[in-house]
PDB file of N, CA and C in Angstrom:
ATOM      1  N   MET A   1       0.885  -1.289   0.032  1.00  0.00           N
ATOM      2  CA  MET A   1      -0.128   0.093  -0.047  1.00  0.00           C
ATOM      3  C   MET A   1       1.043   1.112   0.132  1.00  0.00           C
ATOM      4  N   ALA A   2       0.280   2.309  -0.666  1.00  0.00           N
ATOM      5  CA  ALA A   2       1.401   3.465  -0.824  1.00  0.00           C
ATOM      6  C   ALA A   2       1.297   4.292   0.327  1.00  0.00           C
ATOM      7  N   ILE A   3       2.154   5.209   0.597  1.00  0.00           N
ATOM      8  CA  ILE A   3       2.366   6.074   1.560  1.00  0.00           C
ATOM      9  C   ILE A   3       1.466   7.266   1.052  1.00  0.00           C
ATOM     10  N   LYS A   4       0.572   8.026   2.000  1.00  0.00           N
ATOM     11  CA  LYS A   4      -0.163   9.043   1.340  1.00  0.00           C
ATOM     12  C   LYS A   4       0.640  10.180   1.973  1.00  0.00           C
ATOM     13  N   ARG A   5       1.097  10.953   1.110  1.00  0.00           N
ATOM     14  CA  ARG A   5       1.845  12.293   1.368  1.00  0.00           C
ATOM     15  C   ARG A   5       0.966  13.483   1.455  1.00  0.00           C
ATOM     16  N   PRO A   6       1.009  14.224   2.540  1.00  0.00           N
ATOM     17  CA  PRO A   6       0.297  15.308   2.527  1.00  0.00           C
ATOM     18  C   PRO A   6       0.383  16.460   1.802  1.00  0.00           C
ATOM     19  N   LYS A   7      -0.601  17.249   1.407  1.00  0.00           N
ATOM     20  CA  LYS A   7      -0.548  18.167   0.533  1.00  0.00           C
ATOM     21  C   LYS A   7       0.037  19.270   1.131  1.00  0.00           C
ATOM     22  N   PRO A   8       0.869  20.366   0.567  1.00  0.00           N
ATOM     23  CA  PRO A   8       1.389  21.520   1.074  1.00  0.00           C
ATOM     24  C   PRO A   8       0.291  22.521   1.994  1.00  0.00           C
ATOM     25  N   GLU A   9      -0.941  22.534   1.635  1.00  0.00           N
ATOM     26  CA  GLU A   9      -1.873  23.019   2.260  1.00  0.00           C
ATOM     27  C   GLU A   9      -2.008  22.493   3.694  1.00  0.00           C
ATOM     28  N   GLU A  10      -2.234  21.114   3.758  1.00  0.00           N
ATOM     29  CA  GLU A  10      -2.332  20.370   4.945  1.00  0.00           C
ATOM     30  C   GLU A  10      -0.966  20.483   5.934  1.00  0.00           C
ATOM     31  N   ILE A  11       0.339  20.469   5.220  1.00  0.00           N
ATOM     32  CA  ILE A  11       1.407  20.825   6.112  1.00  0.00           C
ATOM     33  C   ILE A  11       1.510  22.058   6.652  1.00  0.00           C
ATOM     34  N   VAL A  12       1.019  23.172   6.056  1.00  0.00           N
ATOM     35  CA  VAL A  12       0.951  24.591   6.545  1.00  0.00           C
ATOM     36  C   VAL A  12       0.004  24.556   7.771  1.00  0.00           C
ATOM     37  N   VAL A  13      -1.196  23.867   7.841  1.00  0.00           N
ATOM     38  CA  VAL A  13      -2.290  23.888   8.791  1.00  0.00           C
ATOM     39  C   VAL A  13      -1.369  23.176   9.926  1.00  0.00           C
ATOM     40  N   LYS A  14      -0.684  22.034   9.640  1.00  0.00           N
ATOM     41  CA  LYS A  14      -0.125  21.327  11.067  1.00  0.00           C
ATOM     42  C   LYS A  14       1.034  22.340  11.374  1.00  0.00           C
ATOM     43  N   LEU A  15       1.894  22.804  10.551  1.00  0.00           N
ATOM     44  CA  LEU A  15       2.609  23.868  11.518  1.00  0.00           C
ATOM     45  C   LEU A  15       2.023  24.826  12.298  1.00  0.00           C
ATOM     46  N   ARG A  16       0.819  25.419  11.724  1.00  0.00           N
ATOM     47  CA  ARG A  16       0.464  26.218  12.529  1.00  0.00           C
ATOM     48  C   ARG A  16      -0.211  25.728  13.714  1.00  0.00           C
ATOM     49  N   GLN A  17      -0.874  24.543  13.620  1.00  0.00           N
ATOM     50  CA  GLN A  17      -1.436  23.916  15.119  1.00  0.00           C
ATOM     51  C   GLN A  17      -0.378  23.798  16.049  1.00  0.00           C
ATOM     52  N   VAL A  18       0.995  23.416  15.490  1.00  0.00           N
ATOM     53  CA  VAL A  18       2.137  23.490  16.366  1.00  0.00           C
ATOM     54  C   VAL A  18       2.358  24.667  17.203  1.00  0.00           C
ATOM     55  N   GLU A  19       2.187  25.882  16.249  1.00  0.00           N
ATOM     56  CA  GLU A  19       2.457  27.151  16.800  1.00  0.00           C
ATOM     57  C   GLU A  19       1.417  27.570  17.744  1.00  0.00           C
ATOM     58  N   VAL A  20       0.052  27.189  17.552  1.00  0.00           N
ATOM     59  CA  VAL A  20      -0.831  27.482  18.392  1.00  0.00           C
ATOM     60  C   VAL A  20      -0.791  26.587  19.595  1.00  0.00           C
ATOM     61  N   LEU A  21      -0.463  25.470  19.713  1.00  0.00           N
ATOM     62  CA  LEU A  21      -0.385  24.632  20.895  1.00  0.00           C
ATOM     63  C   LEU A  21       0.977  25.160  21.845  1.00  0.00           C
ATOM     64  N   MET A  22       1.969  25.568  21.165  1.00  0.00           N
ATOM     65  CA  MET A  22       3.296  26.121  21.630  1.00  0.00           C
ATOM     66  C   MET A  22       2.951  27.447  22.386  1.00  0.00           C
ATOM     67  N   GLY A  23       1.949  28.149  21.786  1.00  0.00           N
ATOM     68  CA  GLY A  23       1.377  29.481  22.234  1.00  0.00           C
ATOM     69  C   GLY A  23       0.683  29.289  23.460  1.00  0.00           C
ATOM     70  N   GLN A  24      -0.040  27.961  23.731  1.00  0.00           N
ATOM     71  CA  GLN A  24      -1.011  27.781  25.031  1.00  0.00           C
ATOM     72  C   GLN A  24      -0.001  27.021  25.860  1.00  0.00           C
ATOM     73  N   SER A  25       1.388  27.111  25.746  1.00  0.00           N
ATOM     74  CA  SER A  25       2.574  26.789  26.662  1.00  0.00           C
ATOM     75  C   SER A  25       2.594  25.281  26.932  1.00  0.00           C
ATOM     76  N   MET A  26       2.505  24.739  25.732  1.00  0.00           N
ATOM     77  CA  MET A  26       2.683  23.115  25.640  1.00  0.00           C
ATOM     78  C   MET A  26       4.076  23.109  25.122  1.00  0.00           C
ATOM     79  N   PRO A  27       4.694  22.075  25.716  1.00  0.00           N
ATOM     80  CA  PRO A  27       6.184  22.046  25.096  1.00  0.00           C
ATOM     81  C   PRO A  27       6.011  21.667  23.839  1.00  0.00           C
ATOM     82  N   ARG A  28       7.054  21.888  22.868  1.00  0.00           N
ATOM     83  CA  ARG A  28       7.259  21.908  21.342  1.00  0.00           C
ATOM     84  C   ARG A  28       7.112  20.207  21.235  1.00  0.00           C
ATOM     85  N   ILE A  29       7.743  19.486  21.864  1.00  0.00           N
ATOM     86  CA  ILE A  29       7.841  18.013  21.696  1.00  0.00           C
ATOM     87  C   ILE A  29       6.286  17.500  21.551  1.00  0.00           C
ATOM     88  N   ASP A  30       5.595  17.853  22.532  1.00  0.00           N
ATOM     89  CA  ASP A  30       4.303  17.318  22.853  1.00  0.00           C
ATOM     90  C   ASP A  30       3.326  17.870  21.903  1.00  0.00           C
ATOM     91  N   ALA A  31       3.593  19.123  21.422  1.00  0.00           N
ATOM     92  CA  ALA A  31       2.801  19.939  20.392  1.00  0.00           C
ATOM     93  C   ALA A  31       3.091  19.151  19.118  1.00  0.00           C
ATOM     94  N   ILE A  32       4.141  18.687  18.744  1.00  0.00           N
ATOM     95  CA  ILE A  32       4.415  18.111  17.539  1.00  0.00           C
ATOM     96  C   ILE A  32       3.799  16.689  17.442  1.00  0.00           C
ATOM     97  N   ARG A  33       3.948  16.133  18.520  1.00  0.00           N
ATOM     98  CA  ARG A  33       3.396  14.850  18.507  1.00  0.00           C
ATOM     99  C   ARG A  33       1.763  14.737  18.629  1.00  0.00           C
ATOM    100  N   GLN A  34       1.377  15.678  19.015  1.00  0.00           N
ATOM    101  CA  GLN A  34      -0.180  15.607  18.974  1.00  0.00           C
ATOM    102  C   GLN A  34      -0.757  15.879  17.652  1.00  0.00           C
ATOM    103  N   THR A  35       0.273  16.574  16.707  1.00  0.00           N
ATOM    104  CA  THR A  35      -0.372  16.997  15.326  1.00  0.00           C
ATOM    105  C   THR A  35      -0.242  15.563  14.472  1.00  0.00           C
ATOM    106  N   GLY A  36       0.493  14.592  14.971  1.00  0.00           N
ATOM    107  CA  GLY A  36       0.697  13.234  14.347  1.00  0.00           C
ATOM    108  C   GLY A  36       1.936  13.346  13.592  1.00  0.00           C
ATOM    109  N   VAL A  37       2.931  14.138  13.653  1.00  0.00           N
ATOM    110  CA  VAL A  37       4.078  14.088  12.870  1.00  0.00           C
ATOM    111  C   VAL A  37       5.234  13.701  13.649  1.00  0.00           C
ATOM    112  N   THR A  38       6.252  13.171  12.997  1.00  0.00           N
ATOM    113  CA  THR A  38       7.622  13.044  13.963  1.00  0.00           C
ATOM    114  C   THR A  38       8.170  14.493  13.986  1.00  0.00           C
ATOM    115  N   GLU A  39       9.288  14.396  15.055  1.00  0.00           N
ATOM    116  CA  GLU A  39      10.164  15.539  15.273  1.00  0.00           C
ATOM    117  C   GLU A  39      10.850  16.000  13.929  1.00  0.00           C
ATOM    118  N   GLN A  40      11.591  15.030  13.265  1.00  0.00           N
ATOM    119  CA  GLN A  40      12.210  15.258  12.061  1.00  0.00           C
ATOM    120  C   GLN A  40      11.273  16.004  10.860  1.00  0.00           C
ATOM    121  N   THR A  41      10.313  15.069  10.897  1.00  0.00           N
ATOM    122  CA  THR A  41       9.528  15.547   9.572  1.00  0.00           C
ATOM    123  C   THR A  41       9.146  17.090  10.080  1.00  0.00           C
ATOM    124  N   TYR A  42       8.576  17.643  11.159  1.00  0.00           N
ATOM    125  CA  TYR A  42       8.364  19.058  11.548  1.00  0.00           C
ATOM    126  C   TYR A  42       9.218  19.927  11.131  1.00  0.00           C
ATOM    127  N   TYR A  43      10.485  19.633  11.509  1.00  0.00           N
ATOM    128  CA  TYR A  43      11.699  20.520  11.189  1.00  0.00           C
ATOM    129  C   TYR A  43      12.139  20.738   9.786  1.00  0.00           C
ATOM    130  N   CYS A  44      11.815  19.564   9.037  1.00  0.00           N
ATOM    131  CA  CYS A  44      12.028  19.230   7.601  1.00  0.00           C
ATOM    132  C   CYS A  44      10.714  20.422   7.031  1.00  0.00           C
ATOM    133  N   TRP A  45       9.783  20.257   7.138  1.00  0.00           N
ATOM    134  CA  TRP A  45       8.499  20.781   6.839  1.00  0.00           C
ATOM    135  C   TRP A  45       8.854  22.674   7.424  1.00  0.00           C
ATOM    136  N   LYS A  46       9.096  22.651   8.349  1.00  0.00           N
ATOM    137  CA  LYS A  46       9.259  23.996   8.786  1.00  0.00           C
ATOM    138  C   LYS A  46      10.198  24.696   8.141  1.00  0.00           C
ATOM    139  N   LYS A  47      11.223  24.257   7.649  1.00  0.00           N
ATOM    140  CA  LYS A  47      12.332  24.775   6.790  1.00  0.00           C
ATOM    141  C   LYS A  47      11.920  25.047   5.335  1.00  0.00           C
ATOM    142  N   THR A  48      10.972  24.164   4.942  1.00  0.00           N
ATOM    143  CA  THR A  48      10.441  24.500   3.478  1.00  0.00           C
ATOM    144  C   THR A  48       9.349  25.184   3.525  1.00  0.00           C
ATOM    145  N   TYR A  49       8.290  25.083   4.460  1.00  0.00           N
ATOM    146  CA  TYR A  49       7.098  25.864   4.481  1.00  0.00           C
ATOM    147  C   TYR A  49       6.915  27.005   5.643  1.00  0.00           C
ATOM    148  N   GLY A  50       7.794  27.073   6.610  1.00  0.00           N
ATOM    149  CA  GLY A  50       7.722  27.851   7.645  1.00  0.00           C
ATOM    150  C   GLY A  50       7.254  29.138   7.170  1.00  0.00           C
ATOM    151  N   GLY A  51       6.208  29.764   7.757  1.00  0.00           N
ATOM    152  CA  GLY A  51       6.052  31.157   7.894  1.00  0.00           C
ATOM    153  C   GLY A  51       5.276  31.531   6.309  1.00  0.00           C
ATOM    154  N   MET A  52       4.972  30.362   5.618  1.00  0.00           N
ATOM    155  CA  MET A  52       4.089  30.704   4.289  1.00  0.00           C
ATOM    156  C   MET A  52       2.709  30.968   4.582  1.00  0.00           C
ATOM    157  N   GLY A  53       2.262  32.028   3.914  1.00  0.00           N
ATOM    158  CA  GLY A  53       0.537  32.015   4.061  1.00  0.00           C
ATOM    159  C   GLY A  53       0.085  31.429   2.559  1.00  0.00           C
ATOM    160  N   ALA A  54      -1.309  31.659   2.495  1.00  0.00           N
ATOM    161  CA  ALA A  54      -1.941  30.679   1.434  1.00  0.00           C
ATOM    162  C   ALA A  54      -1.477  31.395   0.027  1.00  0.00           C
ATOM    163  N   GLU A  55      -1.322  32.604  -0.058  1.00  0.00           N
ATOM    164  CA  GLU A  55      -0.880  33.434  -1.334  1.00  0.00           C
ATOM    165  C   GLU A  55       0.431  32.950  -1.906  1.00  0.00           C
ATOM    166  N   GLN A  56       1.530  32.668  -0.580  1.00  0.00           N
ATOM    167  CA  GLN A  56       2.843  32.307  -1.017  1.00  0.00           C
ATOM    168  C   GLN A  56       2.748  30.847  -1.418  1.00  0.00           C
ATOM    169  N   LEU A  57       1.838  30.005  -0.856  1.00  0.00           N
ATOM    170  CA  LEU A  57       1.893  28.631  -1.061  1.00  0.00           C
ATOM    171  C   LEU A  57       1.400  28.556  -2.748  1.00  0.00           C
ATOM    172  N   LYS A  58       0.303  29.170  -3.062  1.00  0.00           N
ATOM    173  CA  LYS A  58      -0.220  29.165  -4.517  1.00  0.00           C
ATOM    174  C   LYS A  58       0.912  29.637  -5.240  1.00  0.00           C
ATOM    175  N   GLY A  59       1.664  30.693  -5.013  1.00  0.00           N
ATOM    176  CA  GLY A  59       2.799  31.244  -5.727  1.00  0.00           C
ATOM    177  C   GLY A  59       3.764  29.886  -5.892  1.00  0.00           C
ATOM    178  N   LEU A  60       4.195  29.213  -4.871  1.00  0.00           N
ATOM    179  CA  LEU A  60       5.067  27.955  -4.899  1.00  0.00           C
ATOM    180  C   LEU A  60       4.588  27.076  -5.954  1.00  0.00           C
ATOM    181  N   LYS A  61       3.283  26.680  -5.771  1.00  0.00           N
ATOM    182  CA  LYS A  61       2.625  25.765  -6.949  1.00  0.00           C
ATOM    183  C   LYS A  61       2.845  25.870  -8.236  1.00  0.00           C
ATOM    184  N   ARG A  62       2.341  27.252  -8.163  1.00  0.00           N
ATOM    185  CA  ARG A  62       2.656  27.781  -9.776  1.00  0.00           C
ATOM    186  C   ARG A  62       3.994  27.820 -10.359  1.00  0.00           C
ATOM    187  N   LEU A  63       5.105  28.134  -9.352  1.00  0.00           N
ATOM    188  CA  LEU A  63       6.546  27.743  -9.956  1.00  0.00           C
ATOM    189  C   LEU A  63       6.881  26.452 -10.157  1.00  0.00           C
ATOM    190  N   GLN A  64       6.091  25.540  -9.257  1.00  0.00           N
ATOM    191  CA  GLN A  64       6.698  24.070  -9.430  1.00  0.00           C
ATOM    192  C   GLN A  64       6.175  23.622 -10.848  1.00  0.00           C
ATOM    193  N   GLN A  65       4.836  23.901 -10.927  1.00  0.00           N
ATOM    194  CA  GLN A  65       4.288  23.477 -12.196  1.00  0.00           C
ATOM    195  C   GLN A  65       4.725  24.183 -13.395  1.00  0.00           C
ATOM    196  N   ALA A  66       5.378  25.316 -13.569  1.00  0.00           N
ATOM    197  CA  ALA A  66       6.186  25.940 -14.465  1.00  0.00           C
ATOM    198  C   ALA A  66       7.648  25.195 -14.815  1.00  0.00           C
ATOM    199  N   ASN A  67       8.034  24.847 -13.661  1.00  0.00           N
ATOM    200  CA  ASN A  67       9.450  24.190 -13.625  1.00  0.00           C
ATOM    201  C   ASN A  67       9.295  22.738 -14.332  1.00  0.00           C
ATOM    202  N   GLN A  68       8.152  22.149 -13.797  1.00  0.00           N
ATOM    203  CA  GLN A  68       8.065  20.825 -14.614  1.00  0.00           C
ATOM    204  C   GLN A  68       7.645  21.101 -16.000  1.00  0.00           C
ATOM    205  N   ARG A  69       6.978  22.051 -16.478  1.00  0.00           N
ATOM    206  CA  ARG A  69       6.534  21.882 -17.956  1.00  0.00           C
ATOM    207  C   ARG A  69       7.977  22.398 -18.729  1.00  0.00           C
ATOM    208  N   LEU A  70       8.855  23.299 -17.958  1.00  0.00           N
ATOM    209  CA  LEU A  70      10.048  23.562 -18.620  1.00  0.00           C
ATOM    210  C   LEU A  70      10.784  22.359 -18.985  1.00  0.00           C
ATOM    211  N   ARG A  71      11.020  21.466 -17.615  1.00  0.00           N
ATOM    212  CA  ARG A  71      11.701  20.286 -17.835  1.00  0.00           C
ATOM    213  C   ARG A  71      11.434  19.289 -18.781  1.00  0.00           C
ATOM    214  N   ARG A  72      10.150  19.318 -19.041  1.00  0.00           N
ATOM    215  CA  ARG A  72       9.641  18.476 -20.180  1.00  0.00           C
ATOM    216  C   ARG A  72       9.959  18.835 -21.370  1.00  0.00           C
ATOM    217  N   ALA A  73       9.980  20.536 -21.635  1.00  0.00           N
ATOM    218  CA  ALA A  73      10.427  21.064 -22.860  1.00  0.00           C
ATOM    219  C   ALA A  73      11.958  21.076 -23.065  1.00  0.00           C
ATOM    220  N   VAL A  74      12.570  20.945 -22.355  1.00  0.00           N
ATOM    221  CA  VAL A  74      14.081  20.923 -22.634  1.00  0.00           C
ATOM    222  C   VAL A  74      14.643  19.701 -23.348  1.00  0.00           C
ATOM    223  N   PRO A  75      14.068  18.608 -22.961  1.00  0.00           N
ATOM    224  CA  PRO A  75      14.608  17.097 -23.868  1.00  0.00           C
ATOM    225  C   PRO A  75      14.074  17.464 -25.459  1.00  0.00           C
ATOM    226  N   ASP A  76      12.955  17.798 -25.749  1.00  0.00           N
ATOM    227  CA  ASP A  76      12.370  18.075 -27.082  1.00  0.00           C
ATOM    228  C   ASP A  76      13.018  19.054 -27.458  1.00  0.00           C
ATOM    229  N   LEU A  77      13.752  20.252 -27.133  1.00  0.00           N
ATOM    230  CA  LEU A  77      14.393  21.270 -27.828  1.00  0.00           C
ATOM    231  C   LEU A  77      15.787  20.740 -28.029  1.00  0.00           C
ATOM    232  N   THR A  78      16.403  19.846 -27.175  1.00  0.00           N
ATOM    233  CA  THR A  78      17.612  19.415 -27.460  1.00  0.00           C
ATOM    234  C   THR A  78      17.515  18.499 -28.547  1.00  0.00           C
ATOM    235  N   LEU A  79      16.718  17.458 -28.615  1.00  0.00           N
ATOM    236  CA  LEU A  79      16.391  16.639 -29.826  1.00  0.00           C
ATOM    237  C   LEU A  79      16.485  17.422 -31.121  1.00  0.00           C
ATOM    238  N   GLY A  80      15.632  18.481 -31.324  1.00  0.00           N
ATOM    239  CA  GLY A  80      15.440  19.315 -32.356  1.00  0.00           C
ATOM    240  C   GLY A  80      16.645  19.909 -32.557  1.00  0.00           C
ATOM    241  N   LYS A  81      17.498  20.569 -31.614  1.00  0.00           N
ATOM    242  CA  LYS A  81      18.699  21.245 -32.267  1.00  0.00           C
ATOM    243  C   LYS A  81      19.978  20.042 -32.641  1.00  0.00           C
ATOM    244  N   LEU A  82      19.481  18.848 -32.257  1.00  0.00           N
ATOM    245  CA  LEU A  82      20.637  18.031 -32.721  1.00  0.00           C
ATOM    246  C   LEU A  82      20.225  17.311 -34.089  1.00  0.00           C
ATOM    247  N   ILE A  83      18.920  17.219 -34.560  1.00  0.00           N
ATOM    248  CA  ILE A  83      18.289  16.678 -35.522  1.00  0.00           C
ATOM    249  C   ILE A  83      18.624  17.893 -36.813  1.00  0.00           C
ATOM    250  N   LEU A  84      18.356  19.021 -36.651  1.00  0.00           N
ATOM    251  CA  LEU A  84      18.410  20.166 -37.445  1.00  0.00           C
ATOM    252  C   LEU A  84      20.030  20.190 -38.302  1.00  0.00           C
ATOM    253  N   PRO A  85      20.844  20.159 -37.786  1.00  0.00           N
ATOM    254  CA  PRO A  85      22.106  20.175 -38.553  1.00  0.00           C
ATOM    255  C   PRO A  85      22.233  18.947 -39.494  1.00  0.00           C
ATOM    256  N   GLU A  86      21.821  17.823 -39.108  1.00  0.00           N
ATOM    257  CA  GLU A  86      21.698  16.567 -39.883  1.00  0.00           C
ATOM    258  C   GLU A  86      20.918  16.664 -40.834  1.00  0.00           C
ATOM    259  N   ALA A  87      19.869  17.509 -40.797  1.00  0.00           N
ATOM    260  CA  ALA A  87      18.735  17.438 -41.903  1.00  0.00           C
ATOM    261  C   ALA A  87      19.246  18.452 -42.900  1.00  0.00           C
ATOM    262  N   ALA A  88      19.993  19.316 -42.328  1.00  0.00           N
ATOM    263  CA  ALA A  88      20.582  20.420 -43.161  1.00  0.00           C
ATOM    264  C   ALA A  88      21.746  19.865 -44.254  1.00  0.00           C
ATOM    265  N   ARG A  89      22.664  19.152 -43.726  1.00  0.00           N
ATOM    266  CA  ARG A  89      23.525  18.392 -44.344  1.00  0.00           C
ATOM    267  C   ARG A  89      22.790  17.491 -45.416  1.00  0.00           C
ATOM    268  N   GLY A  90      21.801  17.020 -45.309  1.00  0.00           N
ATOM    269  CA  GLY A  90      21.130  15.946 -46.082  1.00  0.00           C
ATOM    270  C   GLY A  90      21.357  14.743 -45.567  1.00  0.00           C
ATOM    271  N   ASN A  91      21.709  14.412 -44.414  1.00  0.00           N
ATOM    272  CA  ASN A  91      21.895  12.956 -43.776  1.00  0.00           C
ATOM    273  C   ASN A  91      20.707  12.591 -43.385  1.00  0.00           C
ATOM    274  N   PHE A  92      19.819  12.193 -43.985  1.00  0.00           N
ATOM    275  CA  PHE A  92      18.535  11.847 -43.426  1.00  0.00           C
ATOM    276  C   PHE A  92      18.668  10.194 -42.932  1.00  0.00           C
TER     277      PHE A  92
END
């Protein structure tokens, strides 16, 4: 069975839950455990998504989608660049 990875929106919500619990004078470790995440995962998420709002998260998604689109386009362009000189020389 595949492991379900949380979406970025869910990650931001869990990070905010930990902050709220810590604001209620709960120790950090207990707050992290109460959200159902390991301590290592929490710090990794905090490094990546810490301090992000909804708008910044949407911007991150748009950048990731554009990056994927560009990564798919590069091999096609490279192949075309290699084929054009061969076709121009008449070596079909």
